[in-house]
Amino acid sequence: LVVFESVYSMDGDIAPIEAIADLAEKYGAMTYIDEVH
């Protein structure tokens, strides 16, 4: 299970969502993203 955020609230940067999804599919992982910000 890969857990990460889309927007990190302290620095205001954005996760490489598509690339993380690619890796999750490649290695058979579930993905969980926090989009609160």
Full PDB file with SEQRES, HELIX, SHEET, SSBOND, CRYST1, ORIGX, SCALE, CONECT and MASTER records, all heavy atoms in Angstrom:
SEQRES   1 A   37  LEU VAL VAL PHE GLU SER VAL TYR SER MET ASP GLY ASP          
SEQRES   2 A   37  ILE ALA PRO ILE GLU ALA ILE ALA ASP LEU ALA GLU LYS          
SEQRES   3 A   37  TYR GLY ALA MET THR TYR ILE ASP GLU VAL HIS                  
HELIX    1 AA1 ILE A   17  TYR A   27  1                                  11    
SHEET    1 AA1 2 VAL A   2  GLU A   5  0                                        
SHEET    2 AA1 2 THR A  31  ASP A  34  1                                        
CRYST1    1.000    1.000    1.000  90.00  90.00  90.00 P 1           1          
ORIGX1      1.000000  0.000000  0.000000        0.00000                         
ORIGX2      0.000000  1.000000  0.000000        0.00000                         
ORIGX3      0.000000  0.000000  1.000000        0.00000                         
SCALE1      1.000000  0.000000  0.000000        0.00000                         
SCALE2      0.000000  1.000000  0.000000        0.00000                         
SCALE3      0.000000  0.000000  1.000000        0.00000                         
ATOM      1  N   LEU A   1       0.853  -1.186   0.000  1.00  0.00           N  
ATOM      2  CA  LEU A   1       0.000   0.000   0.000  1.00  0.00           C  
ATOM      3  C   LEU A   1       0.893   1.240   0.000  1.00  0.00           C  
ATOM      4  O   LEU A   1       1.662   1.455   0.941  1.00  0.00           O  
ATOM      5  CB  LEU A   1      -0.913   0.001   1.227  1.00  0.00           C  
ATOM      6  CG  LEU A   1      -1.847   1.205   1.394  1.00  0.00           C  
ATOM      7  CD1 LEU A   1      -2.876   1.267   0.279  1.00  0.00           C  
ATOM      8  CD2 LEU A   1      -2.544   1.164   2.761  1.00  0.00           C  
ATOM      9  N   VAL A   2       0.791   2.055  -1.053  1.00  0.00           N  
ATOM     10  CA  VAL A   2       1.556   3.301  -1.158  1.00  0.00           C  
ATOM     11  C   VAL A   2       0.654   4.451  -0.729  1.00  0.00           C  
ATOM     12  O   VAL A   2      -0.416   4.668  -1.315  1.00  0.00           O  
ATOM     13  CB  VAL A   2       2.072   3.545  -2.589  1.00  0.00           C  
ATOM     14  CG1 VAL A   2       2.890   4.836  -2.647  1.00  0.00           C  
ATOM     15  CG2 VAL A   2       2.903   2.359  -3.072  1.00  0.00           C  
ATOM     16  N   VAL A   3       1.061   5.183   0.311  1.00  0.00           N  
ATOM     17  CA  VAL A   3       0.262   6.297   0.828  1.00  0.00           C  
ATOM     18  C   VAL A   3       1.035   7.604   0.666  1.00  0.00           C  
ATOM     19  O   VAL A   3       2.194   7.710   1.068  1.00  0.00           O  
ATOM     20  CB  VAL A   3      -0.156   6.066   2.299  1.00  0.00           C  
ATOM     21  CG1 VAL A   3      -1.066   4.853   2.404  1.00  0.00           C  
ATOM     22  CG2 VAL A   3       1.032   5.884   3.207  1.00  0.00           C  
ATOM     23  N   PHE A   4       0.381   8.583   0.095  1.00  0.00           N  
ATOM     24  CA  PHE A   4       1.034   9.864  -0.182  1.00  0.00           C  
ATOM     25  C   PHE A   4      -0.011  10.953  -0.346  1.00  0.00           C  
ATOM     26  O   PHE A   4      -1.217  10.688  -0.377  1.00  0.00           O  
ATOM     27  CB  PHE A   4       1.920   9.756  -1.431  1.00  0.00           C  
ATOM     28  CG  PHE A   4       1.191   9.462  -2.718  1.00  0.00           C  
ATOM     29  CD1 PHE A   4       1.057  10.438  -3.686  1.00  0.00           C  
ATOM     30  CD2 PHE A   4       0.662   8.203  -2.985  1.00  0.00           C  
ATOM     31  CE1 PHE A   4       0.391  10.176  -4.873  1.00  0.00           C  
ATOM     32  CE2 PHE A   4      -0.012   7.936  -4.172  1.00  0.00           C  
ATOM     33  CZ  PHE A   4      -0.141   8.921  -5.109  1.00  0.00           C  
ATOM     34  N   GLU A   5       0.438  12.195  -0.451  1.00  0.00           N  
ATOM     35  CA  GLU A   5      -0.454  13.338  -0.629  1.00  0.00           C  
ATOM     36  C   GLU A   5      -0.329  13.894  -2.035  1.00  0.00           C  
ATOM     37  O   GLU A   5       0.674  13.668  -2.721  1.00  0.00           O  
ATOM     38  CB  GLU A   5      -0.129  14.430   0.399  1.00  0.00           C  
ATOM     39  CG  GLU A   5      -0.259  13.971   1.848  1.00  0.00           C  
ATOM     40  CD  GLU A   5       0.013  15.072   2.850  1.00  0.00           C  
ATOM     41  OE1 GLU A   5      -0.426  16.227   2.620  1.00  0.00           O  
ATOM     42  OE2 GLU A   5       0.667  14.802   3.876  1.00  0.00           O  
ATOM     43  N   SER A   6      -1.330  14.641  -2.472  1.00  0.00           N  
ATOM     44  CA  SER A   6      -1.221  15.333  -3.756  1.00  0.00           C  
ATOM     45  C   SER A   6      -0.523  16.668  -3.565  1.00  0.00           C  
ATOM     46  O   SER A   6       0.507  16.926  -4.188  1.00  0.00           O  
ATOM     47  CB  SER A   6      -2.592  15.518  -4.399  1.00  0.00           C  
ATOM     48  OG  SER A   6      -3.455  16.319  -3.589  1.00  0.00           O  
ATOM     49  N   VAL A   7      -1.061  17.515  -2.685  1.00  0.00           N  
ATOM     50  CA  VAL A   7      -0.448  18.799  -2.342  1.00  0.00           C  
ATOM     51  C   VAL A   7       0.042  18.729  -0.901  1.00  0.00           C  
ATOM     52  O   VAL A   7      -0.742  18.450   0.015  1.00  0.00           O  
ATOM     53  CB  VAL A   7      -1.448  19.958  -2.501  1.00  0.00           C  
ATOM     54  CG1 VAL A   7      -0.841  21.261  -1.985  1.00  0.00           C  
ATOM     55  CG2 VAL A   7      -1.875  20.110  -3.951  1.00  0.00           C  
ATOM     56  N   TYR A   8       1.330  18.962  -0.708  1.00  0.00           N  
ATOM     57  CA  TYR A   8       1.905  18.989   0.634  1.00  0.00           C  
ATOM     58  C   TYR A   8       1.791  20.400   1.176  1.00  0.00           C  
ATOM     59  O   TYR A   8       2.323  21.352   0.603  1.00  0.00           O  
ATOM     60  CB  TYR A   8       3.347  18.486   0.598  1.00  0.00           C  
ATOM     61  CG  TYR A   8       3.407  16.993   0.343  1.00  0.00           C  
ATOM     62  CD1 TYR A   8       3.367  16.488  -0.946  1.00  0.00           C  
ATOM     63  CD2 TYR A   8       3.442  16.089   1.392  1.00  0.00           C  
ATOM     64  CE1 TYR A   8       3.375  15.117  -1.189  1.00  0.00           C  
ATOM     65  CE2 TYR A   8       3.457  14.716   1.163  1.00  0.00           C  
ATOM     66  CZ  TYR A   8       3.418  14.243  -0.122  1.00  0.00           C  
ATOM     67  OH  TYR A   8       3.415  12.884  -0.345  1.00  0.00           O  
ATOM     68  N   SER A   9       1.104  20.536   2.310  1.00  0.00           N  
ATOM     69  CA  SER A   9       0.597  21.837   2.733  1.00  0.00           C  
ATOM     70  C   SER A   9       1.641  22.802   3.249  1.00  0.00           C  
ATOM     71  O   SER A   9       1.397  24.004   3.297  1.00  0.00           O  
ATOM     72  CB  SER A   9      -0.487  21.651   3.806  1.00  0.00           C  
ATOM     73  OG  SER A   9       0.067  21.053   4.981  1.00  0.00           O  
ATOM     74  N   MET A  10       2.789  22.318   3.685  1.00  0.00           N  
ATOM     75  CA  MET A  10       3.778  23.232   4.237  1.00  0.00           C  
ATOM     76  C   MET A  10       4.667  23.857   3.170  1.00  0.00           C  
ATOM     77  O   MET A  10       5.032  25.027   3.244  1.00  0.00           O  
ATOM     78  CB  MET A  10       4.639  22.512   5.279  1.00  0.00           C  
ATOM     79  CG  MET A  10       3.855  22.176   6.553  1.00  0.00           C  
ATOM     80  SD  MET A  10       3.214  23.647   7.375  1.00  0.00           S  
ATOM     81  CE  MET A  10       1.465  23.378   7.230  1.00  0.00           C  
ATOM     82  N   ASP A  11       5.047  23.087   2.145  1.00  0.00           N  
ATOM     83  CA  ASP A  11       5.882  23.609   1.060  1.00  0.00           C  
ATOM     84  C   ASP A  11       5.081  23.936  -0.189  1.00  0.00           C  
ATOM     85  O   ASP A  11       5.578  24.626  -1.077  1.00  0.00           O  
ATOM     86  CB  ASP A  11       6.991  22.616   0.697  1.00  0.00           C  
ATOM     87  CG  ASP A  11       8.018  22.453   1.801  1.00  0.00           C  
ATOM     88  OD1 ASP A  11       8.142  23.371   2.633  1.00  0.00           O  
ATOM     89  OD2 ASP A  11       8.671  21.396   1.851  1.00  0.00           O  
ATOM     90  N   GLY A  12       3.860  23.417  -0.273  1.00  0.00           N  
ATOM     91  CA  GLY A  12       3.022  23.696  -1.429  1.00  0.00           C  
ATOM     92  C   GLY A  12       3.446  22.973  -2.689  1.00  0.00           C  
ATOM     93  O   GLY A  12       3.095  23.391  -3.796  1.00  0.00           O  
ATOM     94  N   ASP A  13       4.196  21.873  -2.547  1.00  0.00           N  
ATOM     95  CA  ASP A  13       4.624  21.115  -3.720  1.00  0.00           C  
ATOM     96  C   ASP A  13       3.644  19.987  -4.010  1.00  0.00           C  
ATOM     97  O   ASP A  13       2.803  19.634  -3.179  1.00  0.00           O  
ATOM     98  CB  ASP A  13       6.045  20.581  -3.539  1.00  0.00           C  
ATOM     99  CG  ASP A  13       6.198  19.732  -2.290  1.00  0.00           C  
ATOM    100  OD1 ASP A  13       5.445  19.921  -1.313  1.00  0.00           O  
ATOM    101  OD2 ASP A  13       7.092  18.857  -2.275  1.00  0.00           O  
ATOM    102  N   ILE A  14       3.766  19.417  -5.215  1.00  0.00           N  
ATOM    103  CA  ILE A  14       2.823  18.417  -5.707  1.00  0.00           C  
ATOM    104  C   ILE A  14       3.547  17.099  -5.954  1.00  0.00           C  
ATOM    105  O   ILE A  14       4.655  17.075  -6.499  1.00  0.00           O  
ATOM    106  CB  ILE A  14       2.137  18.900  -7.001  1.00  0.00           C  
ATOM    107  CG1 ILE A  14       1.302  20.156  -6.722  1.00  0.00           C  
ATOM    108  CG2 ILE A  14       1.252  17.803  -7.605  1.00  0.00           C  
ATOM    109  CD1 ILE A  14       0.700  20.776  -7.966  1.00  0.00           C  
ATOM    110  N   ALA A  15       2.927  16.015  -5.580  1.00  0.00           N  
ATOM    111  CA  ALA A  15       3.498  14.687  -5.792  1.00  0.00           C  
ATOM    112  C   ALA A  15       3.477  14.316  -7.271  1.00  0.00           C  
ATOM    113  O   ALA A  15       2.589  14.737  -8.015  1.00  0.00           O  
ATOM    114  CB  ALA A  15       2.719  13.645  -4.997  1.00  0.00           C  
ATOM    115  N   PRO A  16       4.446  13.507  -7.716  1.00  0.00           N  
ATOM    116  CA  PRO A  16       4.432  12.986  -9.097  1.00  0.00           C  
ATOM    117  C   PRO A  16       3.431  11.829  -9.197  1.00  0.00           C  
ATOM    118  O   PRO A  16       3.799  10.654  -9.252  1.00  0.00           O  
ATOM    119  CB  PRO A  16       5.879  12.522  -9.301  1.00  0.00           C  
ATOM    120  CG  PRO A  16       6.346  12.145  -7.914  1.00  0.00           C  
ATOM    121  CD  PRO A  16       5.651  13.096  -6.982  1.00  0.00           C  
ATOM    122  N   ILE A  17       2.165  12.167  -9.220  1.00  0.00           N  
ATOM    123  CA  ILE A  17       1.094  11.182  -9.070  1.00  0.00           C  
ATOM    124  C   ILE A  17       1.117  10.124 -10.161  1.00  0.00           C  
ATOM    125  O   ILE A  17       1.021   8.923  -9.886  1.00  0.00           O  
ATOM    126  CB  ILE A  17      -0.275  11.890  -9.032  1.00  0.00           C  
ATOM    127  CG1 ILE A  17      -0.319  12.874  -7.864  1.00  0.00           C  
ATOM    128  CG2 ILE A  17      -1.406  10.857  -8.922  1.00  0.00           C  
ATOM    129  CD1 ILE A  17      -1.560  13.750  -7.855  1.00  0.00           C  
ATOM    130  N   GLU A  18       1.251  10.551 -11.408  1.00  0.00           N  
ATOM    131  CA  GLU A  18       1.225   9.591 -12.512  1.00  0.00           C  
ATOM    132  C   GLU A  18       2.375   8.596 -12.405  1.00  0.00           C  
ATOM    133  O   GLU A  18       2.185   7.388 -12.601  1.00  0.00           O  
ATOM    134  CB  GLU A  18       1.278  10.317 -13.857  1.00  0.00           C  
ATOM    135  CG  GLU A  18       1.151   9.366 -15.051  1.00  0.00           C  
ATOM    136  CD  GLU A  18       1.028  10.106 -16.369  1.00  0.00           C  
ATOM    137  OE1 GLU A  18       1.397  11.313 -16.429  1.00  0.00           O  
ATOM    138  OE2 GLU A  18       0.551   9.502 -17.363  1.00  0.00           O  
ATOM    139  N   ALA A  19       3.559   9.093 -12.055  1.00  0.00           N  
ATOM    140  CA  ALA A  19       4.721   8.216 -11.934  1.00  0.00           C  
ATOM    141  C   ALA A  19       4.566   7.244 -10.763  1.00  0.00           C  
ATOM    142  O   ALA A  19       4.976   6.084 -10.845  1.00  0.00           O  
ATOM    143  CB  ALA A  19       5.992   9.050 -11.777  1.00  0.00           C  
ATOM    144  N   ILE A  20       3.981   7.710  -9.661  1.00  0.00           N  
ATOM    145  CA  ILE A  20       3.727   6.817  -8.528  1.00  0.00           C  
ATOM    146  C   ILE A  20       2.718   5.744  -8.919  1.00  0.00           C  
ATOM    147  O   ILE A  20       2.870   4.562  -8.573  1.00  0.00           O  
ATOM    148  CB  ILE A  20       3.250   7.622  -7.306  1.00  0.00           C  
ATOM    149  CG1 ILE A  20       4.404   8.471  -6.748  1.00  0.00           C  
ATOM    150  CG2 ILE A  20       2.699   6.689  -6.219  1.00  0.00           C  
ATOM    151  CD1 ILE A  20       4.020   9.381  -5.599  1.00  0.00           C  
ATOM    152  N   ALA A  21       1.681   6.137  -9.659  1.00  0.00           N  
ATOM    153  CA  ALA A  21       0.696   5.161 -10.131  1.00  0.00           C  
ATOM    154  C   ALA A  21       1.345   4.132 -11.054  1.00  0.00           C  
ATOM    155  O   ALA A  21       1.024   2.938 -11.000  1.00  0.00           O  
ATOM    156  CB  ALA A  21      -0.446   5.875 -10.847  1.00  0.00           C  
ATOM    157  N   ASP A  22       2.267   4.581 -11.909  1.00  0.00           N  
ATOM    158  CA  ASP A  22       2.995   3.659 -12.792  1.00  0.00           C  
ATOM    159  C   ASP A  22       3.770   2.624 -11.976  1.00  0.00           C  
ATOM    160  O   ASP A  22       3.749   1.419 -12.282  1.00  0.00           O  
ATOM    161  CB  ASP A  22       3.960   4.431 -13.690  1.00  0.00           C  
ATOM    162  CG  ASP A  22       3.258   5.246 -14.769  1.00  0.00           C  
ATOM    163  OD1 ASP A  22       2.083   4.963 -15.058  1.00  0.00           O  
ATOM    164  OD2 ASP A  22       3.897   6.176 -15.316  1.00  0.00           O  
ATOM    165  N   LEU A  23       4.475   3.099 -10.938  1.00  0.00           N  
ATOM    166  CA  LEU A  23       5.254   2.191 -10.099  1.00  0.00           C  
ATOM    167  C   LEU A  23       4.342   1.221  -9.349  1.00  0.00           C  
ATOM    168  O   LEU A  23       4.663   0.036  -9.210  1.00  0.00           O  
ATOM    169  CB  LEU A  23       6.101   2.984  -9.102  1.00  0.00           C  
ATOM    170  CG  LEU A  23       7.301   3.733  -9.676  1.00  0.00           C  
ATOM    171  CD1 LEU A  23       7.979   4.573  -8.586  1.00  0.00           C  
ATOM    172  CD2 LEU A  23       8.310   2.764 -10.282  1.00  0.00           C  
ATOM    173  N   ALA A  24       3.217   1.723  -8.864  1.00  0.00           N  
ATOM    174  CA  ALA A  24       2.282   0.862  -8.141  1.00  0.00           C  
ATOM    175  C   ALA A  24       1.760  -0.253  -9.038  1.00  0.00           C  
ATOM    176  O   ALA A  24       1.664  -1.414  -8.624  1.00  0.00           O  
ATOM    177  CB  ALA A  24       1.130   1.702  -7.593  1.00  0.00           C  
ATOM    178  N   GLU A  25       1.439   0.091 -10.275  1.00  0.00           N  
ATOM    179  CA  GLU A  25       0.962  -0.928 -11.213  1.00  0.00           C  
ATOM    180  C   GLU A  25       2.069  -1.914 -11.564  1.00  0.00           C  
ATOM    181  O   GLU A  25       1.836  -3.121 -11.665  1.00  0.00           O  
ATOM    182  CB  GLU A  25       0.430  -0.243 -12.470  1.00  0.00           C  
ATOM    183  CG  GLU A  25      -0.873   0.518 -12.245  1.00  0.00           C  
ATOM    184  CD  GLU A  25      -1.366   1.240 -13.472  1.00  0.00           C  
ATOM    185  OE1 GLU A  25      -0.781   1.019 -14.565  1.00  0.00           O  
ATOM    186  OE2 GLU A  25      -2.327   2.032 -13.376  1.00  0.00           O  
ATOM    187  N   LYS A  26       3.273  -1.415 -11.720  1.00  0.00           N  
ATOM    188  CA  LYS A  26       4.404  -2.272 -12.076  1.00  0.00           C  
ATOM    189  C   LYS A  26       4.679  -3.302 -10.995  1.00  0.00           C  
ATOM    190  O   LYS A  26       5.000  -4.468 -11.292  1.00  0.00           O  
ATOM    191  CB  LYS A  26       5.645  -1.403 -12.315  1.00  0.00           C  
ATOM    192  CG  LYS A  26       6.894  -2.186 -12.701  1.00  0.00           C  
ATOM    193  CD  LYS A  26       8.060  -1.224 -12.967  1.00  0.00           C  
ATOM    194  CE  LYS A  26       9.324  -1.991 -13.330  1.00  0.00           C  
ATOM    195  NZ  LYS A  26      10.465  -1.039 -13.583  1.00  0.00           N  
ATOM    196  N   TYR A  27       4.551  -2.898  -9.726  1.00  0.00           N  
ATOM    197  CA  TYR A  27       4.908  -3.789  -8.616  1.00  0.00           C  
ATOM    198  C   TYR A  27       3.695  -4.308  -7.838  1.00  0.00           C  
ATOM    199  O   TYR A  27       3.847  -4.884  -6.765  1.00  0.00           O  
ATOM    200  CB  TYR A  27       5.874  -3.063  -7.675  1.00  0.00           C  
ATOM    201  CG  TYR A  27       7.225  -2.789  -8.310  1.00  0.00           C  
ATOM    202  CD1 TYR A  27       7.520  -1.555  -8.864  1.00  0.00           C  
ATOM    203  CD2 TYR A  27       8.183  -3.791  -8.378  1.00  0.00           C  
ATOM    204  CE1 TYR A  27       8.745  -1.307  -9.467  1.00  0.00           C  
ATOM    205  CE2 TYR A  27       9.423  -3.557  -8.965  1.00  0.00           C  
ATOM    206  CZ  TYR A  27       9.687  -2.308  -9.515  1.00  0.00           C  
ATOM    207  OH  TYR A  27      10.909  -2.065 -10.121  1.00  0.00           O  
ATOM    208  N   GLY A  28       2.514  -4.120  -8.384  1.00  0.00           N  
ATOM    209  CA  GLY A  28       1.321  -4.695  -7.780  1.00  0.00           C  
ATOM    210  C   GLY A  28       0.936  -4.109  -6.441  1.00  0.00           C  
ATOM    211  O   GLY A  28       0.569  -4.847  -5.521  1.00  0.00           O  
ATOM    212  N   ALA A  29       0.986  -2.775  -6.321  1.00  0.00           N  
ATOM    213  CA  ALA A  29       0.647  -2.111  -5.062  1.00  0.00           C  
ATOM    214  C   ALA A  29      -0.665  -1.344  -5.187  1.00  0.00           C  
ATOM    215  O   ALA A  29      -1.030  -0.872  -6.260  1.00  0.00           O  
ATOM    216  CB  ALA A  29       1.762  -1.152  -4.651  1.00  0.00           C  
ATOM    217  N   MET A  30      -1.390  -1.231  -4.074  1.00  0.00           N  
ATOM    218  CA  MET A  30      -2.530  -0.329  -3.990  1.00  0.00           C  
ATOM    219  C   MET A  30      -2.036   1.088  -3.740  1.00  0.00           C  
ATOM    220  O   MET A  30      -0.943   1.288  -3.189  1.00  0.00           O  
ATOM    221  CB  MET A  30      -3.474  -0.719  -2.848  1.00  0.00           C  
ATOM    222  CG  MET A  30      -4.408  -1.842  -3.120  1.00  0.00           C  
ATOM    223  SD  MET A  30      -5.629  -2.044  -1.759  1.00  0.00           S  
ATOM    224  CE  MET A  30      -6.626  -0.552  -1.941  1.00  0.00           C  
ATOM    225  N   THR A  31      -2.838   2.087  -4.128  1.00  0.00           N  
ATOM    226  CA  THR A  31      -2.475   3.483  -3.913  1.00  0.00           C  
ATOM    227  C   THR A  31      -3.552   4.199  -3.106  1.00  0.00           C  
ATOM    228  O   THR A  31      -4.750   3.990  -3.306  1.00  0.00           O  
ATOM    229  CB  THR A  31      -2.281   4.219  -5.243  1.00  0.00           C  
ATOM    230  OG1 THR A  31      -3.382   3.941  -6.124  1.00  0.00           O  
ATOM    231  CG2 THR A  31      -0.980   3.804  -5.903  1.00  0.00           C  
ATOM    232  N   TYR A  32      -3.093   5.039  -2.195  1.00  0.00           N  
ATOM    233  CA  TYR A  32      -3.968   5.841  -1.338  1.00  0.00           C  
ATOM    234  C   TYR A  32      -3.432   7.264  -1.340  1.00  0.00           C  
ATOM    235  O   TYR A  32      -2.294   7.510  -0.930  1.00  0.00           O  
ATOM    236  CB  TYR A  32      -3.967   5.252   0.076  1.00  0.00           C  
ATOM    237  CG  TYR A  32      -4.845   5.973   1.088  1.00  0.00           C  
ATOM    238  CD1 TYR A  32      -6.005   5.378   1.563  1.00  0.00           C  
ATOM    239  CD2 TYR A  32      -4.505   7.221   1.620  1.00  0.00           C  
ATOM    240  CE1 TYR A  32      -6.810   5.996   2.517  1.00  0.00           C  
ATOM    241  CE2 TYR A  32      -5.294   7.863   2.551  1.00  0.00           C  
ATOM    242  CZ  TYR A  32      -6.446   7.240   2.996  1.00  0.00           C  
ATOM    243  OH  TYR A  32      -7.246   7.853   3.939  1.00  0.00           O  
ATOM    244  N   ILE A  33      -4.231   8.225  -1.815  1.00  0.00           N  
ATOM    245  CA  ILE A  33      -3.777   9.605  -1.909  1.00  0.00           C  
ATOM    246  C   ILE A  33      -4.644  10.515  -1.047  1.00  0.00           C  
ATOM    247  O   ILE A  33      -5.867  10.384  -0.988  1.00  0.00           O  
ATOM    248  CB  ILE A  33      -3.777  10.103  -3.380  1.00  0.00           C  
ATOM    249  CG1 ILE A  33      -3.015  11.429  -3.504  1.00  0.00           C  
ATOM    250  CG2 ILE A  33      -5.189  10.248  -3.921  1.00  0.00           C  
ATOM    251  CD1 ILE A  33      -2.754  11.843  -4.944  1.00  0.00           C  
ATOM    252  N   ASP A  34      -3.988  11.432  -0.359  1.00  0.00           N  
ATOM    253  CA  ASP A  34      -4.638  12.464   0.447  1.00  0.00           C  
ATOM    254  C   ASP A  34      -4.713  13.732  -0.405  1.00  0.00           C  
ATOM    255  O   ASP A  34      -3.697  14.320  -0.753  1.00  0.00           O  
ATOM    256  CB  ASP A  34      -3.814  12.687   1.718  1.00  0.00           C  
ATOM    257  CG  ASP A  34      -4.327  13.809   2.599  1.00  0.00           C  
ATOM    258  OD1 ASP A  34      -4.763  14.833   2.072  1.00  0.00           O  
ATOM    259  OD2 ASP A  34      -4.257  13.672   3.835  1.00  0.00           O  
ATOM    260  N   GLU A  35      -5.947  14.161  -0.718  1.00  0.00           N  
ATOM    261  CA  GLU A  35      -6.169  15.338  -1.557  1.00  0.00           C  
ATOM    262  C   GLU A  35      -6.765  16.507  -0.761  1.00  0.00           C  
ATOM    263  O   GLU A  35      -7.372  17.412  -1.347  1.00  0.00           O  
ATOM    264  CB  GLU A  35      -7.105  14.984  -2.716  1.00  0.00           C  
ATOM    265  CG  GLU A  35      -6.476  14.168  -3.840  1.00  0.00           C  
ATOM    266  CD  GLU A  35      -6.178  15.000  -5.079  1.00  0.00           C  
ATOM    267  OE1 GLU A  35      -5.662  16.127  -4.926  1.00  0.00           O  
ATOM    268  OE2 GLU A  35      -6.468  14.510  -6.193  1.00  0.00           O  
ATOM    269  N   VAL A  36      -6.553  16.538   0.542  1.00  0.00           N  
ATOM    270  CA  VAL A  36      -7.261  17.506   1.379  1.00  0.00           C  
ATOM    271  C   VAL A  36      -6.959  18.956   1.003  1.00  0.00           C  
ATOM    272  O   VAL A  36      -7.820  19.828   1.131  1.00  0.00           O  
ATOM    273  CB  VAL A  36      -7.012  17.284   2.889  1.00  0.00           C  
ATOM    274  CG1 VAL A  36      -7.505  15.935   3.340  1.00  0.00           C  
ATOM    275  CG2 VAL A  36      -5.555  17.457   3.225  1.00  0.00           C  
ATOM    276  N   HIS A  37      -5.720  19.240   0.557  1.00  0.00           N  
ATOM    277  CA  HIS A  37      -5.357  20.601   0.198  1.00  0.00           C  
ATOM    278  C   HIS A  37      -5.549  20.894  -1.285  1.00  0.00           C  
ATOM    279  O   HIS A  37      -5.040  21.899  -1.794  1.00  0.00           O  
ATOM    280  CB  HIS A  37      -3.915  20.907   0.617  1.00  0.00           C  
ATOM    281  CG  HIS A  37      -3.728  20.958   2.096  1.00  0.00           C  
ATOM    282  ND1 HIS A  37      -4.069  22.061   2.850  1.00  0.00           N  
ATOM    283  CD2 HIS A  37      -3.281  20.025   2.974  1.00  0.00           C  
ATOM    284  CE1 HIS A  37      -3.813  21.813   4.125  1.00  0.00           C  
ATOM    285  NE2 HIS A  37      -3.338  20.586   4.225  1.00  0.00           N  
TER     286      HIS A  37                                                      
MASTER        0    0    0    1    2    0    0    6  285    1    0    3          
END                                                                             
